[in-house]
């Protein structure tokens, strides 16, 4: 679920994020990323529509967090 922090209202949903542990936002790319601990994947989604763009299997076991570094656009850490 995506919640507006100002109002507490649910504004959307990003489906199929099993065991999501963290989220990274890349506004300049208009994308967001979740780390999904249950299956070791990353979900890439559109920030405006919340539609899933891709699901990436990482091979990681139970990834626990994710960070996006804006100065190196291709770099994700989880």
PDB file of N, CA and C in Angstrom:
ATOM      1  N   UNK A   1       0.821  -1.182   0.000  1.00  0.00           N
ATOM      2  CA  UNK A   1       0.000   0.000   0.000  1.00  0.00           C
ATOM      3  C   UNK A   1       0.869   1.251   0.000  1.00  0.00           C
ATOM      4  N   UNK A   2       0.423   2.250  -0.700  1.00  0.00           N
ATOM      5  CA  UNK A   2       1.076   3.551  -0.710  1.00  0.00           C
ATOM      6  C   UNK A   2       0.157   4.502   0.045  1.00  0.00           C
ATOM      7  N   UNK A   3       0.717   5.162   1.072  1.00  0.00           N
ATOM      8  CA  UNK A   3      -0.072   6.015   1.948  1.00  0.00           C
ATOM      9  C   UNK A   3       0.454   7.445   1.880  1.00  0.00           C
ATOM     10  N   UNK A   4      -0.455   8.408   1.780  1.00  0.00           N
ATOM     11  CA  UNK A   4      -0.093   9.822   1.844  1.00  0.00           C
ATOM     12  C   UNK A   4       0.251  10.129   3.302  1.00  0.00           C
ATOM     13  N   UNK A   5       1.510  10.495   3.596  1.00  0.00           N
ATOM     14  CA  UNK A   5       1.907  10.703   4.989  1.00  0.00           C
ATOM     15  C   UNK A   5       1.230  11.901   5.657  1.00  0.00           C
ATOM     16  N   UNK A   6       0.740  12.832   4.859  1.00  0.00           N
ATOM     17  CA  UNK A   6       0.064  14.007   5.436  1.00  0.00           C
ATOM     18  C   UNK A   6      -1.338  13.690   5.927  1.00  0.00           C
ATOM     19  N   UNK A   7      -2.019  12.777   5.214  1.00  0.00           N
ATOM     20  CA  UNK A   7      -3.413  12.506   5.540  1.00  0.00           C
ATOM     21  C   UNK A   7      -3.651  11.103   6.080  1.00  0.00           C
ATOM     22  N   UNK A   8      -2.698  10.204   5.843  1.00  0.00           N
ATOM     23  CA  UNK A   8      -2.891   8.808   6.235  1.00  0.00           C
ATOM     24  C   UNK A   8      -3.793   8.045   5.285  1.00  0.00           C
ATOM     25  N   UNK A   9      -4.125   8.661   4.162  1.00  0.00           N
ATOM     26  CA  UNK A   9      -5.010   8.054   3.171  1.00  0.00           C
ATOM     27  C   UNK A   9      -4.230   7.124   2.249  1.00  0.00           C
ATOM     28  N   UNK A  10      -4.792   5.951   1.985  1.00  0.00           N
ATOM     29  CA  UNK A  10      -4.203   5.035   1.012  1.00  0.00           C
ATOM     30  C   UNK A  10      -4.448   5.616  -0.375  1.00  0.00           C
ATOM     31  N   UNK A  11      -3.349   5.821  -1.143  1.00  0.00           N
ATOM     32  CA  UNK A  11      -3.468   6.439  -2.466  1.00  0.00           C
ATOM     33  C   UNK A  11      -3.164   5.464  -3.598  1.00  0.00           C
ATOM     34  N   UNK A  12      -2.716   4.267  -3.255  1.00  0.00           N
ATOM     35  CA  UNK A  12      -2.421   3.296  -4.302  1.00  0.00           C
ATOM     36  C   UNK A  12      -1.830   2.032  -3.737  1.00  0.00           C
ATOM     37  N   UNK A  13      -1.410   1.168  -4.655  1.00  0.00           N
ATOM     38  CA  UNK A  13      -0.859  -0.126  -4.272  1.00  0.00           C
ATOM     39  C   UNK A  13       0.183  -0.542  -5.301  1.00  0.00           C
ATOM     40  N   UNK A  14       1.240  -1.135  -4.832  1.00  0.00           N
ATOM     41  CA  UNK A  14       2.245  -1.730  -5.713  1.00  0.00           C
ATOM     42  C   UNK A  14       2.165  -3.234  -5.457  1.00  0.00           C
ATOM     43  N   UNK A  15       1.533  -3.975  -6.346  1.00  0.00           N
ATOM     44  CA  UNK A  15       1.300  -5.403  -6.099  1.00  0.00           C
ATOM     45  C   UNK A  15       2.554  -6.248  -6.305  1.00  0.00           C
ATOM     46  N   UNK A  16       2.465  -7.482  -5.823  1.00  0.00           N
ATOM     47  CA  UNK A  16       3.512  -8.487  -6.043  1.00  0.00           C
ATOM     48  C   UNK A  16       4.882  -8.030  -5.550  1.00  0.00           C
ATOM     49  N   UNK A  17       4.927  -7.581  -4.310  1.00  0.00           N
ATOM     50  CA  UNK A  17       6.188  -7.218  -3.655  1.00  0.00           C
ATOM     51  C   UNK A  17       6.316  -8.101  -2.402  1.00  0.00           C
ATOM     52  N   UNK A  18       6.608  -9.389  -2.588  1.00  0.00           N
ATOM     53  CA  UNK A  18       6.567 -10.347  -1.482  1.00  0.00           C
ATOM     54  C   UNK A  18       7.617 -10.072  -0.406  1.00  0.00           C
ATOM     55  N   UNK A  19       7.133  -9.799   0.797  1.00  0.00           N
ATOM     56  CA  UNK A  19       8.046  -9.544   1.911  1.00  0.00           C
ATOM     57  C   UNK A  19       8.829  -8.269   1.745  1.00  0.00           C
ATOM     58  N   UNK A  20       8.204  -7.231   1.190  1.00  0.00           N
ATOM     59  CA  UNK A  20       8.914  -5.970   0.941  1.00  0.00           C
ATOM     60  C   UNK A  20       9.538  -5.459   2.238  1.00  0.00           C
ATOM     61  N   UNK A  21      10.823  -5.096   2.148  1.00  0.00           N
ATOM     62  CA  UNK A  21      11.558  -4.594   3.310  1.00  0.00           C
ATOM     63  C   UNK A  21      11.933  -3.132   3.178  1.00  0.00           C
ATOM     64  N   UNK A  22      12.091  -2.650   1.963  1.00  0.00           N
ATOM     65  CA  UNK A  22      12.532  -1.274   1.796  1.00  0.00           C
ATOM     66  C   UNK A  22      12.114  -0.730   0.451  1.00  0.00           C
ATOM     67  N   UNK A  23      12.227   0.598   0.345  1.00  0.00           N
ATOM     68  CA  UNK A  23      11.882   1.274  -0.896  1.00  0.00           C
ATOM     69  C   UNK A  23      12.890   2.386  -1.146  1.00  0.00           C
ATOM     70  N   UNK A  24      13.251   2.562  -2.406  1.00  0.00           N
ATOM     71  CA  UNK A  24      14.135   3.657  -2.818  1.00  0.00           C
ATOM     72  C   UNK A  24      13.419   4.424  -3.926  1.00  0.00           C
ATOM     73  N   UNK A  25      13.459   5.737  -3.837  1.00  0.00           N
ATOM     74  CA  UNK A  25      12.808   6.582  -4.835  1.00  0.00           C
ATOM     75  C   UNK A  25      13.848   7.315  -5.663  1.00  0.00           C
ATOM     76  N   UNK A  26      13.629   7.351  -6.971  1.00  0.00           N
ATOM     77  CA  UNK A  26      14.509   8.051  -7.904  1.00  0.00           C
ATOM     78  C   UNK A  26      13.646   9.014  -8.717  1.00  0.00           C
ATOM     79  N   UNK A  27      13.273  10.154  -8.121  1.00  0.00           N
ATOM     80  CA  UNK A  27      12.350  11.074  -8.796  1.00  0.00           C
ATOM     81  C   UNK A  27      12.826  11.535 -10.167  1.00  0.00           C
ATOM     82  N   UNK A  28      14.136  11.747 -10.328  1.00  0.00           N
ATOM     83  CA  UNK A  28      14.629  12.211 -11.625  1.00  0.00           C
ATOM     84  C   UNK A  28      14.505  11.148 -12.712  1.00  0.00           C
ATOM     85  N   UNK A  29      14.363   9.895 -12.310  1.00  0.00           N
ATOM     86  CA  UNK A  29      14.136   8.805 -13.262  1.00  0.00           C
ATOM     87  C   UNK A  29      12.657   8.437 -13.361  1.00  0.00           C
ATOM     88  N   UNK A  30      11.846   9.040 -12.476  1.00  0.00           N
ATOM     89  CA  UNK A  30      10.415   8.743 -12.384  1.00  0.00           C
ATOM     90  C   UNK A  30      10.171   7.275 -12.054  1.00  0.00           C
ATOM     91  N   UNK A  31      11.081   6.705 -11.228  1.00  0.00           N
ATOM     92  CA  UNK A  31      10.991   5.295 -10.855  1.00  0.00           C
ATOM     93  C   UNK A  31      11.187   5.126  -9.356  1.00  0.00           C
ATOM     94  N   UNK A  32      10.637   4.035  -8.859  1.00  0.00           N
ATOM     95  CA  UNK A  32      10.869   3.610  -7.496  1.00  0.00           C
ATOM     96  C   UNK A  32      11.289   2.151  -7.521  1.00  0.00           C
ATOM     97  N   UNK A  33      11.879   1.704  -6.418  1.00  0.00           N
ATOM     98  CA  UNK A  33      12.410   0.343  -6.330  1.00  0.00           C
ATOM     99  C   UNK A  33      12.082  -0.215  -4.950  1.00  0.00           C
ATOM    100  N   UNK A  34      11.610  -1.456  -4.884  1.00  0.00           N
ATOM    101  CA  UNK A  34      11.413  -2.118  -3.597  1.00  0.00           C
ATOM    102  C   UNK A  34      12.347  -3.311  -3.499  1.00  0.00           C
ATOM    103  N   UNK A  35      12.839  -3.579  -2.285  1.00  0.00           N
ATOM    104  CA  UNK A  35      13.563  -4.829  -2.053  1.00  0.00           C
ATOM    105  C   UNK A  35      12.568  -5.796  -1.423  1.00  0.00           C
ATOM    106  N   UNK A  36      12.449  -6.963  -2.018  1.00  0.00           N
ATOM    107  CA  UNK A  36      11.449  -7.948  -1.620  1.00  0.00           C
ATOM    108  C   UNK A  36      12.139  -9.157  -0.990  1.00  0.00           C
ATOM    109  N   UNK A  37      12.090  -9.219   0.334  1.00  0.00           N
ATOM    110  CA  UNK A  37      12.829 -10.229   1.074  1.00  0.00           C
ATOM    111  C   UNK A  37      12.362 -11.655   0.864  1.00  0.00           C
ATOM    112  N   UNK A  38      11.086 -11.847   0.602  1.00  0.00           N
ATOM    113  CA  UNK A  38      10.563 -13.209   0.504  1.00  0.00           C
ATOM    114  C   UNK A  38      11.099 -13.976  -0.702  1.00  0.00           C
ATOM    115  N   UNK A  39      11.371 -13.272  -1.799  1.00  0.00           N
ATOM    116  CA  UNK A  39      11.875 -13.993  -2.973  1.00  0.00           C
ATOM    117  C   UNK A  39      13.181 -13.421  -3.530  1.00  0.00           C
ATOM    118  N   UNK A  40      13.814 -12.494  -2.812  1.00  0.00           N
ATOM    119  CA  UNK A  40      15.113 -11.966  -3.233  1.00  0.00           C
ATOM    120  C   UNK A  40      15.058 -11.127  -4.489  1.00  0.00           C
ATOM    121  N   UNK A  41      13.938 -10.451  -4.713  1.00  0.00           N
ATOM    122  CA  UNK A  41      13.794  -9.666  -5.937  1.00  0.00           C
ATOM    123  C   UNK A  41      13.747  -8.168  -5.643  1.00  0.00           C
ATOM    124  N   UNK A  42      13.843  -7.394  -6.720  1.00  0.00           N
ATOM    125  CA  UNK A  42      13.621  -5.953  -6.687  1.00  0.00           C
ATOM    126  C   UNK A  42      12.490  -5.661  -7.667  1.00  0.00           C
ATOM    127  N   UNK A  43      11.506  -4.895  -7.221  1.00  0.00           N
ATOM    128  CA  UNK A  43      10.435  -4.447  -8.098  1.00  0.00           C
ATOM    129  C   UNK A  43      10.730  -3.014  -8.505  1.00  0.00           C
ATOM    130  N   UNK A  44      10.710  -2.751  -9.810  1.00  0.00           N
ATOM    131  CA  UNK A  44      10.881  -1.402 -10.355  1.00  0.00           C
ATOM    132  C   UNK A  44       9.493  -0.920 -10.749  1.00  0.00           C
ATOM    133  N   UNK A  45       9.110   0.297 -10.286  1.00  0.00           N
ATOM    134  CA  UNK A  45       7.775   0.783 -10.589  1.00  0.00           C
ATOM    135  C   UNK A  45       7.801   2.247 -10.987  1.00  0.00           C
ATOM    136  N   UNK A  46       6.764   2.670 -11.706  1.00  0.00           N
ATOM    137  CA  UNK A  46       6.589   4.046 -12.152  1.00  0.00           C
ATOM    138  C   UNK A  46       6.066   4.871 -10.985  1.00  0.00           C
ATOM    139  N   UNK A  47       6.743   5.970 -10.648  1.00  0.00           N
ATOM    140  CA  UNK A  47       6.329   6.788  -9.510  1.00  0.00           C
ATOM    141  C   UNK A  47       4.965   7.440  -9.704  1.00  0.00           C
ATOM    142  N   UNK A  48       4.592   7.758 -10.919  1.00  0.00           N
ATOM    143  CA  UNK A  48       3.315   8.435 -11.166  1.00  0.00           C
ATOM    144  C   UNK A  48       2.128   7.484 -11.132  1.00  0.00           C
ATOM    145  N   UNK A  49       2.301   6.318 -11.745  1.00  0.00           N
ATOM    146  CA  UNK A  49       1.171   5.390 -11.879  1.00  0.00           C
ATOM    147  C   UNK A  49       1.233   4.226 -10.900  1.00  0.00           C
ATOM    148  N   UNK A  50       2.396   3.994 -10.304  1.00  0.00           N
ATOM    149  CA  UNK A  50       2.681   2.850  -9.429  1.00  0.00           C
ATOM    150  C   UNK A  50       2.665   1.520 -10.177  1.00  0.00           C
ATOM    151  N   UNK A  51       2.608   1.576 -11.501  1.00  0.00           N
ATOM    152  CA  UNK A  51       2.623   0.352 -12.306  1.00  0.00           C
ATOM    153  C   UNK A  51       4.013  -0.280 -12.267  1.00  0.00           C
ATOM    154  N   UNK A  52       4.048  -1.601 -12.194  1.00  0.00           N
ATOM    155  CA  UNK A  52       5.316  -2.326 -12.205  1.00  0.00           C
ATOM    156  C   UNK A  52       5.941  -2.246 -13.585  1.00  0.00           C
ATOM    157  N   UNK A  53       7.210  -1.871 -13.620  1.00  0.00           N
ATOM    158  CA  UNK A  53       7.975  -1.807 -14.863  1.00  0.00           C
ATOM    159  C   UNK A  53       8.732  -3.112 -15.064  1.00  0.00           C
ATOM    160  N   UNK A  54       9.316  -3.623 -13.979  1.00  0.00           N
ATOM    161  CA  UNK A  54      10.106  -4.854 -14.061  1.00  0.00           C
ATOM    162  C   UNK A  54      10.238  -5.469 -12.673  1.00  0.00           C
ATOM    163  N   UNK A  55      10.462  -6.764 -12.652  1.00  0.00           N
ATOM    164  CA  UNK A  55      10.836  -7.470 -11.435  1.00  0.00           C
ATOM    165  C   UNK A  55      12.176  -8.124 -11.714  1.00  0.00           C
ATOM    166  N   UNK A  56      13.153  -7.835 -10.885  1.00  0.00           N
ATOM    167  CA  UNK A  56      14.525  -8.309 -11.100  1.00  0.00           C
ATOM    168  C   UNK A  56      14.874  -9.307 -10.005  1.00  0.00           C
ATOM    169  N   UNK A  57      15.208 -10.513 -10.401  1.00  0.00           N
ATOM    170  CA  UNK A  57      15.685 -11.512  -9.446  1.00  0.00           C
ATOM    171  C   UNK A  57      17.156 -11.226  -9.172  1.00  0.00           C
ATOM    172  N   UNK A  58      17.516 -11.084  -7.903  1.00  0.00           N
ATOM    173  CA  UNK A  58      18.877 -10.676  -7.559  1.00  0.00           C
ATOM    174  C   UNK A  58      19.774 -11.826  -7.136  1.00  0.00           C
ATOM    175  N   UNK A  59      19.173 -12.933  -6.732  1.00  0.00           N
ATOM    176  CA  UNK A  59      19.978 -14.023  -6.188  1.00  0.00           C
ATOM    177  C   UNK A  59      20.303 -13.813  -4.720  1.00  0.00           C
ATOM    178  N   UNK A  60      19.913 -12.662  -4.170  1.00  0.00           N
ATOM    179  CA  UNK A  60      20.151 -12.375  -2.755  1.00  0.00           C
ATOM    180  C   UNK A  60      19.170 -13.173  -1.905  1.00  0.00           C
ATOM    181  N   UNK A  61      19.606 -13.536  -0.713  1.00  0.00           N
ATOM    182  CA  UNK A  61      18.730 -14.228   0.212  1.00  0.00           C
ATOM    183  C   UNK A  61      18.212 -13.233   1.239  1.00  0.00           C
ATOM    184  N   UNK A  62      16.908 -13.006   1.214  1.00  0.00           N
ATOM    185  CA  UNK A  62      16.241 -12.141   2.173  1.00  0.00           C
ATOM    186  C   UNK A  62      16.836 -10.726   2.235  1.00  0.00           C
ATOM    187  N   UNK A  63      16.923 -10.012   1.103  1.00  0.00           N
ATOM    188  CA  UNK A  63      17.449  -8.641   1.152  1.00  0.00           C
ATOM    189  C   UNK A  63      16.620  -7.797   2.114  1.00  0.00           C
ATOM    190  N   UNK A  64      17.302  -6.954   2.861  1.00  0.00           N
ATOM    191  CA  UNK A  64      16.646  -6.267   3.966  1.00  0.00           C
ATOM    192  C   UNK A  64      16.433  -4.778   3.745  1.00  0.00           C
ATOM    193  N   UNK A  65      17.066  -4.173   2.792  1.00  0.00           N
ATOM    194  CA  UNK A  65      16.909  -2.746   2.558  1.00  0.00           C
ATOM    195  C   UNK A  65      17.419  -2.386   1.188  1.00  0.00           C
ATOM    196  N   UNK A  66      17.233  -1.124   0.837  1.00  0.00           N
ATOM    197  CA  UNK A  66      17.647  -0.671  -0.492  1.00  0.00           C
ATOM    198  C   UNK A  66      17.954   0.819  -0.419  1.00  0.00           C
ATOM    199  N   UNK A  67      18.962   1.262  -1.171  1.00  0.00           N
ATOM    200  CA  UNK A  67      19.352   2.676  -1.219  1.00  0.00           C
ATOM    201  C   UNK A  67      19.613   3.043  -2.672  1.00  0.00           C
ATOM    202  N   UNK A  68      19.166   4.220  -3.064  1.00  0.00           N
ATOM    203  CA  UNK A  68      19.441   4.746  -4.400  1.00  0.00           C
ATOM    204  C   UNK A  68      20.369   5.936  -4.259  1.00  0.00           C
ATOM    205  N   UNK A  69      21.440   5.953  -5.044  1.00  0.00           N
ATOM    206  CA  UNK A  69      22.382   7.079  -5.049  1.00  0.00           C
ATOM    207  C   UNK A  69      22.159   7.887  -6.313  1.00  0.00           C
ATOM    208  N   UNK A  70      21.671   9.106  -6.185  1.00  0.00           N
ATOM    209  CA  UNK A  70      21.283   9.893  -7.351  1.00  0.00           C
ATOM    210  C   UNK A  70      22.453  10.348  -8.211  1.00  0.00           C
ATOM    211  N   UNK A  71      23.635  10.465  -7.666  1.00  0.00           N
ATOM    212  CA  UNK A  71      24.755  10.930  -8.490  1.00  0.00           C
ATOM    213  C   UNK A  71      25.290   9.845  -9.424  1.00  0.00           C
ATOM    214  N   UNK A  72      24.938   8.599  -9.182  1.00  0.00           N
ATOM    215  CA  UNK A  72      25.313   7.491 -10.062  1.00  0.00           C
ATOM    216  C   UNK A  72      24.024   6.750 -10.391  1.00  0.00           C
ATOM    217  N   UNK A  73      23.354   7.173 -11.424  1.00  0.00           N
ATOM    218  CA  UNK A  73      21.989   6.742 -11.708  1.00  0.00           C
ATOM    219  C   UNK A  73      21.792   5.245 -11.832  1.00  0.00           C
ATOM    220  N   UNK A  74      22.808   4.491 -12.141  1.00  0.00           N
ATOM    221  CA  UNK A  74      22.627   3.065 -12.355  1.00  0.00           C
ATOM    222  C   UNK A  74      22.948   2.257 -11.107  1.00  0.00           C
ATOM    223  N   UNK A  75      23.131   2.902  -9.990  1.00  0.00           N
ATOM    224  CA  UNK A  75      23.629   2.194  -8.813  1.00  0.00           C
ATOM    225  C   UNK A  75      22.542   1.978  -7.772  1.00  0.00           C
ATOM    226  N   UNK A  76      22.261   0.743  -7.464  1.00  0.00           N
ATOM    227  CA  UNK A  76      21.338   0.368  -6.404  1.00  0.00           C
ATOM    228  C   UNK A  76      22.079  -0.518  -5.424  1.00  0.00           C
ATOM    229  N   UNK A  77      21.815  -0.345  -4.145  1.00  0.00           N
ATOM    230  CA  UNK A  77      22.399  -1.191  -3.107  1.00  0.00           C
ATOM    231  C   UNK A  77      21.259  -1.820  -2.335  1.00  0.00           C
ATOM    232  N   UNK A  78      21.361  -3.106  -2.090  1.00  0.00           N
ATOM    233  CA  UNK A  78      20.331  -3.746  -1.267  1.00  0.00           C
ATOM    234  C   UNK A  78      20.966  -4.840  -0.448  1.00  0.00           C
TER     235      UNK A  78
END
